C-alpha atoms as a PDB file:
ATOM      1  CA  UNK A   1      -9.023   9.519 -16.983  1.00  0.00           C
ATOM      2  CA  UNK A   2      -5.305  10.280 -17.033  1.00  0.00           C
ATOM      3  CA  UNK A   3      -2.478   8.354 -15.439  1.00  0.00           C
ATOM      4  CA  UNK A   4      -1.560   9.140 -11.864  1.00  0.00           C
ATOM      5  CA  UNK A   5       2.009  10.040 -10.973  1.00  0.00           C
ATOM      6  CA  UNK A   6       2.547   6.606  -9.434  1.00  0.00           C
ATOM      7  CA  UNK A   7       1.656   4.926 -12.738  1.00  0.00           C
ATOM      8  CA  UNK A   8       4.990   6.082 -14.135  1.00  0.00           C
ATOM      9  CA  UNK A   9       6.966   4.012 -11.634  1.00  0.00           C
ATOM     10  CA  UNK A  10       7.405   0.298 -11.059  1.00  0.00           C
ATOM     11  CA  UNK A  11       5.306  -1.644  -8.580  1.00  0.00           C
ATOM     12  CA  UNK A  12       8.417  -2.159  -6.447  1.00  0.00           C
ATOM     13  CA  UNK A  13       9.249   1.573  -6.450  1.00  0.00           C
ATOM     14  CA  UNK A  14       5.705   2.434  -5.401  1.00  0.00           C
ATOM     15  CA  UNK A  15       5.661  -0.216  -2.666  1.00  0.00           C
ATOM     16  CA  UNK A  16       9.011   0.919  -1.246  1.00  0.00           C
ATOM     17  CA  UNK A  17       7.875   4.549  -1.326  1.00  0.00           C
ATOM     18  CA  UNK A  18       4.734   3.706   0.656  1.00  0.00           C
ATOM     19  CA  UNK A  19       6.759   1.800   3.266  1.00  0.00           C
ATOM     20  CA  UNK A  20       9.364   4.547   3.593  1.00  0.00           C
ATOM     21  CA  UNK A  21       6.691   7.228   3.811  1.00  0.00           C
ATOM     22  CA  UNK A  22       5.035   5.290   6.636  1.00  0.00           C
ATOM     23  CA  UNK A  23       8.384   5.240   8.454  1.00  0.00           C
ATOM     24  CA  UNK A  24       8.710   8.995   7.989  1.00  0.00           C
ATOM     25  CA  UNK A  25       7.151   9.828  11.370  1.00  0.00           C
ATOM     26  CA  UNK A  26       9.002   9.457  14.688  1.00  0.00           C
ATOM     27  CA  UNK A  27       5.951   7.958  16.406  1.00  0.00           C
ATOM     28  CA  UNK A  28       5.853   5.186  13.810  1.00  0.00           C
ATOM     29  CA  UNK A  29       9.560   4.523  14.261  1.00  0.00           C
ATOM     30  CA  UNK A  30       8.916   4.270  18.025  1.00  0.00           C
ATOM     31  CA  UNK A  31       6.025   1.871  17.399  1.00  0.00           C
ATOM     32  CA  UNK A  32       8.186  -0.318  15.151  1.00  0.00           C
ATOM     33  CA  UNK A  33      10.989  -0.345  17.742  1.00  0.00           C
ATOM     34  CA  UNK A  34       8.554  -1.305  20.479  1.00  0.00           C
ATOM     35  CA  UNK A  35       6.965  -4.078  18.414  1.00  0.00           C
ATOM     36  CA  UNK A  36      10.415  -5.481  17.625  1.00  0.00           C
ATOM     37  CA  UNK A  37      11.421  -5.437  21.284  1.00  0.00           C
ATOM     38  CA  UNK A  38       8.298  -7.284  22.478  1.00  0.00           C
ATOM     39  CA  UNK A  39       7.577  -9.484  19.414  1.00  0.00           C
ATOM     40  CA  UNK A  40       3.913  -8.455  19.442  1.00  0.00           C
ATOM     41  CA  UNK A  41       1.583  -6.249  21.424  1.00  0.00           C
ATOM     42  CA  UNK A  42      -1.909  -4.858  21.717  1.00  0.00           C
ATOM     43  CA  UNK A  43      -2.700  -1.235  20.906  1.00  0.00           C
ATOM     44  CA  UNK A  44      -3.367  -0.510  24.600  1.00  0.00           C
ATOM     45  CA  UNK A  45       0.182  -1.591  25.430  1.00  0.00           C
ATOM     46  CA  UNK A  46       1.529   1.026  23.039  1.00  0.00           C
ATOM     47  CA  UNK A  47      -0.601   3.740  24.616  1.00  0.00           C
ATOM     48  CA  UNK A  48       1.138   2.969  27.926  1.00  0.00           C
ATOM     49  CA  UNK A  49       4.646   3.402  26.477  1.00  0.00           C
ATOM     50  CA  UNK A  50       4.138   6.264  24.011  1.00  0.00           C
ATOM     51  CA  UNK A  51       3.232   9.862  24.837  1.00  0.00           C
ATOM     52  CA  UNK A  52       0.220   9.668  22.518  1.00  0.00           C
ATOM     53  CA  UNK A  53      -3.519   9.275  22.905  1.00  0.00           C
ATOM     54  CA  UNK A  54      -5.134   5.957  21.962  1.00  0.00           C
ATOM     55  CA  UNK A  55      -6.795   7.316  18.780  1.00  0.00           C
ATOM     56  CA  UNK A  56      -3.441   8.714  17.614  1.00  0.00           C
ATOM     57  CA  UNK A  57      -1.680   5.391  18.246  1.00  0.00           C
ATOM     58  CA  UNK A  58      -4.460   3.607  16.353  1.00  0.00           C
ATOM     59  CA  UNK A  59      -4.023   5.955  13.382  1.00  0.00           C
ATOM     60  CA  UNK A  60      -0.264   5.344  13.297  1.00  0.00           C
ATOM     61  CA  UNK A  61      -0.849   1.575  13.501  1.00  0.00           C
ATOM     62  CA  UNK A  62      -3.291   1.847  10.602  1.00  0.00           C
ATOM     63  CA  UNK A  63      -0.676   3.652   8.487  1.00  0.00           C
ATOM     64  CA  UNK A  64       1.978   1.044   9.281  1.00  0.00           C
ATOM     65  CA  UNK A  65      -0.444  -1.781   8.519  1.00  0.00           C
ATOM     66  CA  UNK A  66      -1.604  -0.208   5.254  1.00  0.00           C
ATOM     67  CA  UNK A  67       2.053   0.132   4.233  1.00  0.00           C
ATOM     68  CA  UNK A  68       2.530  -3.575   4.902  1.00  0.00           C
ATOM     69  CA  UNK A  69       5.096  -3.065   7.667  1.00  0.00           C
ATOM     70  CA  UNK A  70       3.038  -4.652  10.431  1.00  0.00           C
ATOM     71  CA  UNK A  71       0.336  -7.299  10.721  1.00  0.00           C
ATOM     72  CA  UNK A  72      -2.590  -7.412  13.093  1.00  0.00           C
ATOM     73  CA  UNK A  73      -4.479 -10.407  14.456  1.00  0.00           C
ATOM     74  CA  UNK A  74      -7.758 -10.107  16.311  1.00  0.00           C
ATOM     75  CA  UNK A  75      -7.577 -11.610  19.794  1.00  0.00           C
ATOM     76  CA  UNK A  76     -10.936 -11.269  21.489  1.00  0.00           C
ATOM     77  CA  UNK A  77     -11.812  -7.575  21.530  1.00  0.00           C
ATOM     78  CA  UNK A  78      -8.240  -6.416  20.858  1.00  0.00           C
ATOM     79  CA  UNK A  79      -5.852  -6.493  17.927  1.00  0.00           C
ATOM     80  CA  UNK A  80      -2.389  -7.904  18.513  1.00  0.00           C
ATOM     81  CA  UNK A  81       0.236  -6.316  16.233  1.00  0.00           C
ATOM     82  CA  UNK A  82       3.617  -7.600  15.079  1.00  0.00           C
ATOM     83  CA  UNK A  83       6.262  -6.537  12.567  1.00  0.00           C
ATOM     84  CA  UNK A  84       6.045  -8.132   9.113  1.00  0.00           C
ATOM     85  CA  UNK A  85       9.521  -9.635   8.743  1.00  0.00           C
ATOM     86  CA  UNK A  86       9.123 -10.023   4.969  1.00  0.00           C
ATOM     87  CA  UNK A  87       8.476  -6.295   4.545  1.00  0.00           C
ATOM     88  CA  UNK A  88      11.529  -5.417   6.638  1.00  0.00           C
ATOM     89  CA  UNK A  89      13.609  -7.871   4.581  1.00  0.00           C
ATOM     90  CA  UNK A  90      12.412  -6.139   1.416  1.00  0.00           C
ATOM     91  CA  UNK A  91      13.509  -2.754   2.757  1.00  0.00           C
ATOM     92  CA  UNK A  92      16.806  -4.244   3.867  1.00  0.00           C
ATOM     93  CA  UNK A  93      17.474  -5.724   0.408  1.00  0.00           C
ATOM     94  CA  UNK A  94      16.746  -2.396  -1.253  1.00  0.00           C
ATOM     95  CA  UNK A  95      19.003  -0.433   1.095  1.00  0.00           C
ATOM     96  CA  UNK A  96      21.778  -3.043   0.919  1.00  0.00           C
ATOM     97  CA  UNK A  97      21.663  -2.991  -2.881  1.00  0.00           C
ATOM     98  CA  UNK A  98      21.739   0.806  -2.898  1.00  0.00           C
ATOM     99  CA  UNK A  99      24.697   0.818  -0.513  1.00  0.00           C
ATOM    100  CA  UNK A 100      26.511  -1.743  -2.653  1.00  0.00           C
ATOM    101  CA  UNK A 101      25.973   0.330  -5.788  1.00  0.00           C
ATOM    102  CA  UNK A 102      27.318   3.432  -4.034  1.00  0.00           C
ATOM    103  CA  UNK A 103      30.379   1.575  -2.783  1.00  0.00           C
ATOM    104  CA  UNK A 104      31.294   0.666  -6.357  1.00  0.00           C
ATOM    105  CA  UNK A 105      31.220   4.289  -7.505  1.00  0.00           C
ATOM    106  CA  UNK A 106      34.707   5.638  -8.019  1.00  0.00           C
ATOM    107  CA  UNK A 107      33.969   9.030  -6.574  1.00  0.00           C
ATOM    108  CA  UNK A 108      31.150  11.091  -5.250  1.00  0.00           C
ATOM    109  CA  UNK A 109      29.541  13.692  -7.483  1.00  0.00           C
ATOM    110  CA  UNK A 110      29.576  16.285  -4.692  1.00  0.00           C
END
């Protein structure tokens, strides 16, 4: 079996791509913003603040969790979600490093 396209890139590049792809939907950005503002919440809470059906919210939460951006803990019959601070720090380091590299360029190519 041949190599997949992701095999040609580093583990860090693949991980960052998955996280950024997960953030590529406005509903997921809204979910992240809400989770940050309340520290943690249950899926039903999100349904009350977003203009989305419960199954849609659950799917977006699954994508964010699979990307490692949020964590979920089972509390009774519900799952309480919160932002994974380590994942956000990883994104922040990458973007800060990229910004720093761009600032040291003498001129733009465009």
